[in-house]
């Protein structure tokens, strides 16, 4: 059986300014270091604020696993489907992240390598 941990919670912001402001609030509240990326801003490793609305009505939940391909295969065997257009790969071709096809209570869920 694959290993799973809560990697992060994702919040859909309206734009990059709102994302940065939200990350700074998490920094002020809990001391989580702000790290800005291309499509999102992280507050520590626990919170990812998207710079524009993305997957999930309310946002997304990142589930960490050391082997995304094995976890995906395990979940597909249980009947869950993935959205192949969301797959992200490392330079060596190893899958690094992928979203489930369906939301759970308005949240997209994705596997991410940890």
N, C-alpha and C. Protein backbone atom coordinates (compact mmCIF):
# COMPACT_ATOMS: atom_id res chain seq x y z
N UNK A 1 0.84 -1.19 0.00
CA UNK A 1 0.00 0.00 0.00
C UNK A 1 0.88 1.25 0.00
N UNK A 2 0.47 2.23 -0.79
CA UNK A 2 1.22 3.50 -0.89
C UNK A 2 1.13 4.27 0.42
N UNK A 3 2.10 5.12 0.64
CA UNK A 3 2.10 6.01 1.80
C UNK A 3 1.47 7.34 1.41
N UNK A 4 0.66 7.91 2.31
CA UNK A 4 -0.01 9.18 2.03
C UNK A 4 0.12 10.11 3.24
N UNK A 5 0.38 11.39 2.98
CA UNK A 5 0.40 12.41 4.02
C UNK A 5 -0.27 13.66 3.45
N UNK A 6 -0.71 14.53 4.34
CA UNK A 6 -1.24 15.82 3.90
C UNK A 6 -0.05 16.70 3.54
N UNK A 7 0.08 17.06 2.28
CA UNK A 7 1.20 17.88 1.83
C UNK A 7 0.90 19.36 2.02
N UNK A 8 -0.27 19.79 1.57
CA UNK A 8 -0.65 21.20 1.71
C UNK A 8 -2.13 21.39 1.37
N UNK A 9 -2.63 22.54 1.74
CA UNK A 9 -3.98 22.97 1.37
C UNK A 9 -3.82 24.12 0.39
N UNK A 10 -4.56 24.08 -0.70
CA UNK A 10 -4.49 25.12 -1.72
C UNK A 10 -5.70 26.02 -1.68
N UNK A 11 -5.48 27.29 -1.83
CA UNK A 11 -6.53 28.31 -1.82
C UNK A 11 -6.50 29.02 -3.17
N UNK A 12 -7.65 29.17 -3.80
CA UNK A 12 -7.73 29.89 -5.06
C UNK A 12 -7.92 31.38 -4.79
N UNK A 13 -6.92 32.18 -5.10
CA UNK A 13 -7.03 33.64 -4.99
C UNK A 13 -7.52 34.20 -6.32
N UNK A 14 -7.94 35.44 -6.30
CA UNK A 14 -8.44 36.10 -7.51
C UNK A 14 -7.29 36.48 -8.44
N UNK A 15 -6.17 36.93 -7.84
CA UNK A 15 -5.03 37.36 -8.64
C UNK A 15 -3.74 37.24 -7.82
N UNK A 16 -2.62 37.58 -8.42
CA UNK A 16 -1.33 37.41 -7.75
C UNK A 16 -1.18 38.32 -6.53
N UNK A 17 -1.76 39.52 -6.58
CA UNK A 17 -1.68 40.43 -5.44
C UNK A 17 -2.43 39.85 -4.24
N UNK A 18 -3.64 39.33 -4.48
CA UNK A 18 -4.41 38.72 -3.40
C UNK A 18 -3.69 37.49 -2.84
N UNK A 19 -3.05 36.72 -3.72
CA UNK A 19 -2.32 35.53 -3.28
C UNK A 19 -1.17 35.92 -2.36
N UNK A 20 -0.42 36.93 -2.75
CA UNK A 20 0.71 37.38 -1.94
C UNK A 20 0.24 37.94 -0.60
N UNK A 21 -0.84 38.70 -0.61
CA UNK A 21 -1.38 39.25 0.64
C UNK A 21 -1.84 38.13 1.57
N UNK A 22 -2.49 37.11 1.01
CA UNK A 22 -2.95 35.99 1.84
C UNK A 22 -1.76 35.25 2.43
N UNK A 23 -0.73 35.00 1.63
CA UNK A 23 0.47 34.32 2.13
C UNK A 23 1.11 35.12 3.26
N UNK A 24 1.13 36.44 3.10
CA UNK A 24 1.71 37.30 4.15
C UNK A 24 0.89 37.24 5.43
N UNK A 25 -0.42 37.04 5.32
CA UNK A 25 -1.25 36.88 6.52
C UNK A 25 -0.88 35.59 7.26
N UNK A 26 -0.66 34.51 6.51
CA UNK A 26 -0.24 33.25 7.13
C UNK A 26 1.15 33.40 7.76
N UNK A 27 2.00 34.20 7.13
CA UNK A 27 3.32 34.47 7.69
C UNK A 27 3.19 35.23 9.01
N UNK A 28 2.35 36.26 9.02
CA UNK A 28 2.13 37.06 10.22
C UNK A 28 1.49 36.23 11.33
N UNK A 29 0.49 35.44 10.96
CA UNK A 29 -0.22 34.62 11.95
C UNK A 29 0.65 33.52 12.55
N UNK A 30 1.33 32.77 11.69
CA UNK A 30 1.96 31.53 12.13
C UNK A 30 3.46 31.44 11.86
N UNK A 31 4.05 32.51 11.33
CA UNK A 31 5.47 32.50 11.05
C UNK A 31 5.86 31.64 9.85
N UNK A 32 4.90 31.37 8.95
CA UNK A 32 5.18 30.55 7.76
C UNK A 32 5.87 31.42 6.71
N UNK A 33 7.02 31.00 6.26
CA UNK A 33 7.82 31.77 5.31
C UNK A 33 7.15 31.84 3.94
N UNK A 34 7.06 33.03 3.39
CA UNK A 34 6.45 33.25 2.08
C UNK A 34 7.46 32.93 0.99
N UNK A 35 7.02 32.14 0.02
CA UNK A 35 7.87 31.80 -1.13
C UNK A 35 7.01 31.91 -2.38
N UNK A 36 7.33 32.90 -3.22
CA UNK A 36 6.55 33.14 -4.42
C UNK A 36 7.07 32.31 -5.59
N UNK A 37 6.14 31.68 -6.30
CA UNK A 37 6.47 30.90 -7.49
C UNK A 37 5.76 31.47 -8.71
N UNK A 38 5.82 30.76 -9.82
CA UNK A 38 5.20 31.23 -11.05
C UNK A 38 3.68 31.30 -10.98
N UNK A 39 3.05 30.25 -10.46
CA UNK A 39 1.59 30.19 -10.48
C UNK A 39 0.96 30.28 -9.09
N UNK A 40 1.80 30.27 -8.04
CA UNK A 40 1.26 30.30 -6.69
C UNK A 40 2.27 30.91 -5.72
N UNK A 41 1.78 31.15 -4.51
CA UNK A 41 2.63 31.63 -3.42
C UNK A 41 2.43 30.65 -2.27
N UNK A 42 3.52 30.13 -1.75
CA UNK A 42 3.43 29.23 -0.60
C UNK A 42 3.65 30.02 0.69
N UNK A 43 2.96 29.60 1.73
CA UNK A 43 3.21 30.05 3.09
C UNK A 43 3.72 28.81 3.81
N UNK A 44 5.03 28.77 4.04
CA UNK A 44 5.63 27.54 4.54
C UNK A 44 5.42 26.45 3.49
N UNK A 45 5.21 25.24 3.95
CA UNK A 45 4.86 24.15 3.03
C UNK A 45 3.39 23.75 3.20
N UNK A 46 2.71 24.37 4.17
CA UNK A 46 1.36 23.95 4.51
C UNK A 46 0.27 24.59 3.66
N UNK A 47 0.51 25.79 3.15
CA UNK A 47 -0.54 26.52 2.44
C UNK A 47 0.00 27.01 1.10
N UNK A 48 -0.74 26.70 0.04
CA UNK A 48 -0.41 27.19 -1.30
C UNK A 48 -1.57 28.07 -1.77
N UNK A 49 -1.27 29.31 -2.10
CA UNK A 49 -2.30 30.22 -2.59
C UNK A 49 -2.07 30.42 -4.08
N UNK A 50 -3.05 30.01 -4.87
CA UNK A 50 -2.94 30.12 -6.32
C UNK A 50 -3.12 31.58 -6.73
N UNK A 51 -2.34 32.02 -7.71
CA UNK A 51 -2.41 33.41 -8.17
C UNK A 51 -3.63 33.68 -9.04
N UNK A 52 -4.31 32.65 -9.45
CA UNK A 52 -5.55 32.76 -10.23
C UNK A 52 -6.37 31.51 -9.92
N UNK A 53 -7.68 31.59 -10.01
CA UNK A 53 -8.49 30.39 -9.75
C UNK A 53 -8.00 29.21 -10.59
N UNK A 54 -7.90 28.05 -9.95
CA UNK A 54 -7.43 26.86 -10.64
C UNK A 54 -8.38 25.72 -10.30
N UNK A 55 -7.89 24.55 -10.17
CA UNK A 55 -8.73 23.38 -9.90
C UNK A 55 -9.42 23.51 -8.55
N UNK A 56 -10.64 23.01 -8.50
CA UNK A 56 -11.39 22.97 -7.26
C UNK A 56 -12.23 24.21 -7.06
N UNK A 57 -13.49 24.02 -6.81
CA UNK A 57 -14.40 25.13 -6.54
C UNK A 57 -13.89 25.96 -5.36
N UNK A 58 -13.43 25.30 -4.32
CA UNK A 58 -12.94 25.97 -3.12
C UNK A 58 -11.42 25.99 -3.02
N UNK A 59 -10.75 25.25 -3.87
CA UNK A 59 -9.31 25.13 -3.82
C UNK A 59 -8.92 23.68 -3.99
N UNK A 60 -7.76 23.31 -3.43
CA UNK A 60 -7.33 21.93 -3.59
C UNK A 60 -6.62 21.44 -2.33
N UNK A 61 -6.49 20.13 -2.27
CA UNK A 61 -5.77 19.47 -1.20
C UNK A 61 -4.66 18.66 -1.84
N UNK A 62 -3.44 18.91 -1.43
CA UNK A 62 -2.30 18.16 -1.93
C UNK A 62 -2.00 17.01 -0.99
N UNK A 63 -2.02 15.80 -1.55
CA UNK A 63 -1.72 14.61 -0.77
C UNK A 63 -0.32 14.14 -1.17
N UNK A 64 0.58 14.11 -0.22
CA UNK A 64 1.95 13.72 -0.48
C UNK A 64 2.13 12.22 -0.50
N UNK A 65 3.00 11.77 -1.38
CA UNK A 65 3.36 10.36 -1.47
C UNK A 65 4.77 10.27 -2.07
N UNK A 66 5.56 9.31 -1.64
CA UNK A 66 6.91 9.22 -2.19
C UNK A 66 6.95 8.68 -3.63
N UNK A 67 5.90 7.98 -4.05
CA UNK A 67 5.86 7.40 -5.39
C UNK A 67 4.49 7.69 -6.01
N UNK A 68 4.40 8.78 -6.77
CA UNK A 68 3.12 9.20 -7.34
C UNK A 68 2.57 8.15 -8.30
N UNK A 69 3.42 7.56 -9.12
CA UNK A 69 2.96 6.56 -10.08
C UNK A 69 2.34 5.35 -9.37
N UNK A 70 2.98 4.88 -8.31
CA UNK A 70 2.45 3.74 -7.56
C UNK A 70 1.14 4.10 -6.87
N UNK A 71 1.08 5.30 -6.30
CA UNK A 71 -0.15 5.73 -5.64
C UNK A 71 -1.29 5.88 -6.65
N UNK A 72 -0.97 6.44 -7.81
CA UNK A 72 -1.98 6.59 -8.86
C UNK A 72 -2.51 5.22 -9.27
N UNK A 73 -1.63 4.28 -9.50
CA UNK A 73 -2.04 2.94 -9.91
C UNK A 73 -2.91 2.29 -8.83
N UNK A 74 -2.52 2.46 -7.58
CA UNK A 74 -3.30 1.90 -6.47
C UNK A 74 -4.72 2.49 -6.44
N UNK A 75 -4.82 3.81 -6.59
CA UNK A 75 -6.13 4.46 -6.54
C UNK A 75 -6.96 4.15 -7.78
N UNK A 76 -6.32 4.02 -8.93
CA UNK A 76 -7.05 3.62 -10.14
C UNK A 76 -7.62 2.21 -9.99
N UNK A 77 -6.88 1.34 -9.33
CA UNK A 77 -7.36 -0.03 -9.07
C UNK A 77 -8.59 -0.02 -8.17
N UNK A 78 -8.73 1.04 -7.37
CA UNK A 78 -9.91 1.19 -6.51
C UNK A 78 -11.06 1.89 -7.23
N UNK A 79 -10.84 2.25 -8.50
CA UNK A 79 -11.91 2.86 -9.30
C UNK A 79 -11.85 4.37 -9.44
N UNK A 80 -10.81 5.01 -8.93
CA UNK A 80 -10.69 6.45 -9.04
C UNK A 80 -10.02 6.83 -10.35
N UNK A 81 -10.44 7.94 -10.93
CA UNK A 81 -9.88 8.40 -12.21
C UNK A 81 -9.06 9.66 -11.99
N UNK A 82 -8.06 9.85 -12.85
CA UNK A 82 -7.18 11.01 -12.79
C UNK A 82 -7.32 11.82 -14.07
N UNK A 83 -6.99 13.11 -13.98
CA UNK A 83 -7.01 14.00 -15.13
C UNK A 83 -5.59 14.05 -15.70
N UNK A 84 -5.34 13.34 -16.81
CA UNK A 84 -3.97 13.28 -17.33
C UNK A 84 -3.43 14.63 -17.80
N UNK A 85 -4.30 15.60 -18.08
CA UNK A 85 -3.83 16.92 -18.52
C UNK A 85 -3.17 17.69 -17.38
N UNK A 86 -3.35 17.23 -16.15
CA UNK A 86 -2.76 17.93 -14.99
C UNK A 86 -1.44 17.31 -14.54
N UNK A 87 -1.02 16.24 -15.18
CA UNK A 87 0.21 15.56 -14.77
C UNK A 87 1.42 16.46 -14.98
N UNK A 88 2.29 16.47 -13.99
CA UNK A 88 3.55 17.20 -14.07
C UNK A 88 4.67 16.18 -13.87
N UNK A 89 5.74 16.35 -14.66
CA UNK A 89 6.82 15.38 -14.66
C UNK A 89 8.15 16.02 -14.31
N UNK A 90 9.02 15.24 -13.69
CA UNK A 90 10.39 15.66 -13.44
C UNK A 90 11.16 15.54 -14.76
N UNK A 91 12.32 16.17 -14.86
CA UNK A 91 13.11 16.09 -16.10
C UNK A 91 13.41 14.66 -16.55
N UNK A 92 13.50 13.72 -15.59
CA UNK A 92 13.80 12.33 -15.96
C UNK A 92 12.57 11.55 -16.43
N UNK A 93 11.40 12.23 -16.48
CA UNK A 93 10.17 11.58 -16.94
C UNK A 93 9.32 10.97 -15.84
N UNK A 94 9.79 11.02 -14.60
CA UNK A 94 9.02 10.50 -13.46
C UNK A 94 7.87 11.44 -13.16
N UNK A 95 6.68 10.89 -12.95
CA UNK A 95 5.53 11.74 -12.62
C UNK A 95 5.72 12.33 -11.23
N UNK A 96 5.46 13.63 -11.12
CA UNK A 96 5.68 14.37 -9.89
C UNK A 96 4.37 14.79 -9.21
N UNK A 97 3.30 14.96 -10.02
CA UNK A 97 2.01 15.38 -9.47
C UNK A 97 0.91 15.10 -10.49
N UNK A 98 -0.31 14.86 -9.97
CA UNK A 98 -1.47 14.67 -10.84
C UNK A 98 -2.74 14.83 -10.01
N UNK A 99 -3.76 15.42 -10.62
CA UNK A 99 -5.04 15.64 -9.96
C UNK A 99 -6.01 14.51 -10.23
N UNK A 100 -6.80 14.19 -9.21
CA UNK A 100 -7.94 13.30 -9.41
C UNK A 100 -8.93 13.99 -10.35
N UNK A 101 -9.71 13.23 -11.05
CA UNK A 101 -10.67 13.79 -11.99
C UNK A 101 -11.80 14.53 -11.28
N UNK A 102 -12.30 13.98 -10.18
CA UNK A 102 -13.45 14.55 -9.49
C UNK A 102 -13.05 15.31 -8.23
N UNK A 103 -13.88 16.28 -7.87
CA UNK A 103 -13.69 17.03 -6.62
C UNK A 103 -14.32 16.26 -5.46
N UNK A 104 -13.89 16.59 -4.27
CA UNK A 104 -14.51 16.08 -3.04
C UNK A 104 -14.98 17.29 -2.26
N UNK A 105 -16.28 17.45 -2.15
CA UNK A 105 -16.88 18.59 -1.43
C UNK A 105 -16.32 19.92 -1.91
N UNK A 106 -16.13 20.06 -3.21
CA UNK A 106 -15.67 21.31 -3.78
C UNK A 106 -14.17 21.50 -3.79
N UNK A 107 -13.42 20.49 -3.36
CA UNK A 107 -11.97 20.56 -3.38
C UNK A 107 -11.40 19.59 -4.39
N UNK A 108 -10.52 20.09 -5.24
CA UNK A 108 -9.75 19.21 -6.10
C UNK A 108 -8.72 18.53 -5.20
N UNK A 109 -8.29 17.34 -5.59
CA UNK A 109 -7.30 16.60 -4.82
C UNK A 109 -6.20 16.17 -5.77
N UNK A 110 -4.96 16.43 -5.38
CA UNK A 110 -3.88 15.94 -6.22
C UNK A 110 -2.81 15.23 -5.41
N UNK A 111 -2.20 14.27 -6.07
CA UNK A 111 -1.06 13.58 -5.50
C UNK A 111 0.17 14.41 -5.86
N UNK A 112 1.10 14.49 -4.93
CA UNK A 112 2.35 15.22 -5.17
C UNK A 112 3.49 14.46 -4.50
N UNK A 113 4.58 14.35 -5.19
CA UNK A 113 5.73 13.64 -4.66
C UNK A 113 6.35 14.42 -3.50
N UNK A 114 6.59 13.71 -2.39
CA UNK A 114 7.24 14.32 -1.22
C UNK A 114 8.48 13.53 -0.86
